[in-house]
Protein backbone atom coordinates (compact mmCIF):
# COMPACT_ATOMS: atom_id res chain seq x y z
CA UNK A 1 0.00 0.00 0.00
CA UNK A 2 2.75 2.46 0.98
CA UNK A 3 6.25 2.51 -0.40
CA UNK A 4 7.88 2.63 3.05
CA UNK A 5 5.58 1.03 5.65
CA UNK A 6 8.15 1.34 8.46
CA UNK A 7 8.43 5.10 7.90
CA UNK A 8 4.65 5.42 7.79
CA UNK A 9 4.32 3.48 11.05
CA UNK A 10 7.01 5.66 12.65
CA UNK A 11 5.23 8.84 11.55
CA UNK A 12 1.91 7.56 12.88
CA UNK A 13 3.47 6.75 16.26
CA UNK A 14 5.15 10.16 16.34
CA UNK A 15 1.86 11.91 15.59
CA UNK A 16 0.05 9.85 18.24
CA UNK A 17 2.72 10.79 20.80
CA UNK A 18 2.45 14.47 19.88
CA UNK A 19 -1.34 14.36 20.17
CA UNK A 20 -1.02 12.65 23.54
CA UNK A 21 1.32 15.36 24.81
CA UNK A 22 -1.01 18.06 23.53
CA UNK A 23 -3.98 16.40 25.24
CA UNK A 24 -2.00 16.09 28.47
CA UNK A 25 -1.02 19.76 28.25
CA UNK A 26 -4.58 20.88 27.52
CA UNK A 27 -6.16 18.72 30.22
CA UNK A 28 -3.57 18.13 32.97
CA UNK A 29 -4.40 15.59 35.67
CA UNK A 30 -5.73 16.93 38.96
CA UNK A 31 -3.11 17.40 41.68
CA UNK A 32 -4.02 16.06 45.09
CA UNK A 33 -2.64 18.13 47.92
CA UNK A 34 -1.32 16.40 51.02
CA UNK A 35 -0.02 17.95 54.23
CA UNK A 36 3.72 17.87 54.73
CA UNK A 37 4.69 15.65 57.62
CA UNK A 38 7.95 16.53 59.35
CA UNK A 39 10.10 13.81 60.79
CA UNK A 40 10.76 14.40 64.46
CA UNK A 41 14.06 13.20 65.91
CA UNK A 42 13.79 10.14 68.12
CA UNK A 43 15.83 10.72 71.30
CA UNK A 44 15.68 7.09 72.40
CA UNK A 45 18.07 5.84 69.71
CA UNK A 46 20.58 8.68 69.67
CA UNK A 47 24.08 8.18 71.05
CA UNK A 48 24.76 10.23 74.15
C-alpha atoms as a PDB file:
ATOM      1  CA  UNK A   1       0.000   0.000   0.000  1.00  0.00           C
ATOM      2  CA  UNK A   2       2.749   2.459   0.978  1.00  0.00           C
ATOM      3  CA  UNK A   3       6.255   2.514  -0.397  1.00  0.00           C
ATOM      4  CA  UNK A   4       7.876   2.626   3.047  1.00  0.00           C
ATOM      5  CA  UNK A   5       5.580   1.032   5.653  1.00  0.00           C
ATOM      6  CA  UNK A   6       8.147   1.340   8.461  1.00  0.00           C
ATOM      7  CA  UNK A   7       8.433   5.096   7.901  1.00  0.00           C
ATOM      8  CA  UNK A   8       4.646   5.422   7.795  1.00  0.00           C
ATOM      9  CA  UNK A   9       4.318   3.484  11.045  1.00  0.00           C
ATOM     10  CA  UNK A  10       7.011   5.656  12.649  1.00  0.00           C
ATOM     11  CA  UNK A  11       5.233   8.838  11.554  1.00  0.00           C
ATOM     12  CA  UNK A  12       1.908   7.561  12.884  1.00  0.00           C
ATOM     13  CA  UNK A  13       3.474   6.752  16.256  1.00  0.00           C
ATOM     14  CA  UNK A  14       5.150  10.155  16.337  1.00  0.00           C
ATOM     15  CA  UNK A  15       1.865  11.914  15.588  1.00  0.00           C
ATOM     16  CA  UNK A  16       0.053   9.850  18.238  1.00  0.00           C
ATOM     17  CA  UNK A  17       2.716  10.794  20.799  1.00  0.00           C
ATOM     18  CA  UNK A  18       2.453  14.475  19.877  1.00  0.00           C
ATOM     19  CA  UNK A  19      -1.335  14.360  20.173  1.00  0.00           C
ATOM     20  CA  UNK A  20      -1.021  12.647  23.543  1.00  0.00           C
ATOM     21  CA  UNK A  21       1.318  15.355  24.809  1.00  0.00           C
ATOM     22  CA  UNK A  22      -1.014  18.059  23.534  1.00  0.00           C
ATOM     23  CA  UNK A  23      -3.976  16.404  25.243  1.00  0.00           C
ATOM     24  CA  UNK A  24      -2.002  16.085  28.472  1.00  0.00           C
ATOM     25  CA  UNK A  25      -1.023  19.757  28.254  1.00  0.00           C
ATOM     26  CA  UNK A  26      -4.583  20.880  27.519  1.00  0.00           C
ATOM     27  CA  UNK A  27      -6.159  18.716  30.224  1.00  0.00           C
ATOM     28  CA  UNK A  28      -3.569  18.134  32.971  1.00  0.00           C
ATOM     29  CA  UNK A  29      -4.401  15.586  35.675  1.00  0.00           C
ATOM     30  CA  UNK A  30      -5.727  16.930  38.958  1.00  0.00           C
ATOM     31  CA  UNK A  31      -3.113  17.401  41.676  1.00  0.00           C
ATOM     32  CA  UNK A  32      -4.017  16.056  45.091  1.00  0.00           C
ATOM     33  CA  UNK A  33      -2.641  18.126  47.918  1.00  0.00           C
ATOM     34  CA  UNK A  34      -1.324  16.399  51.021  1.00  0.00           C
ATOM     35  CA  UNK A  35      -0.020  17.951  54.229  1.00  0.00           C
ATOM     36  CA  UNK A  36       3.720  17.875  54.726  1.00  0.00           C
ATOM     37  CA  UNK A  37       4.695  15.653  57.620  1.00  0.00           C
ATOM     38  CA  UNK A  38       7.947  16.534  59.348  1.00  0.00           C
ATOM     39  CA  UNK A  39      10.100  13.806  60.787  1.00  0.00           C
ATOM     40  CA  UNK A  40      10.757  14.399  64.463  1.00  0.00           C
ATOM     41  CA  UNK A  41      14.061  13.200  65.913  1.00  0.00           C
ATOM     42  CA  UNK A  42      13.788  10.143  68.122  1.00  0.00           C
ATOM     43  CA  UNK A  43      15.830  10.721  71.297  1.00  0.00           C
ATOM     44  CA  UNK A  44      15.683   7.091  72.397  1.00  0.00           C
ATOM     45  CA  UNK A  45      18.075   5.837  69.712  1.00  0.00           C
ATOM     46  CA  UNK A  46      20.578   8.684  69.669  1.00  0.00           C
ATOM     47  CA  UNK A  47      24.076   8.177  71.050  1.00  0.00           C
ATOM     48  CA  UNK A  48      24.761  10.231  74.153  1.00  0.00           C
END
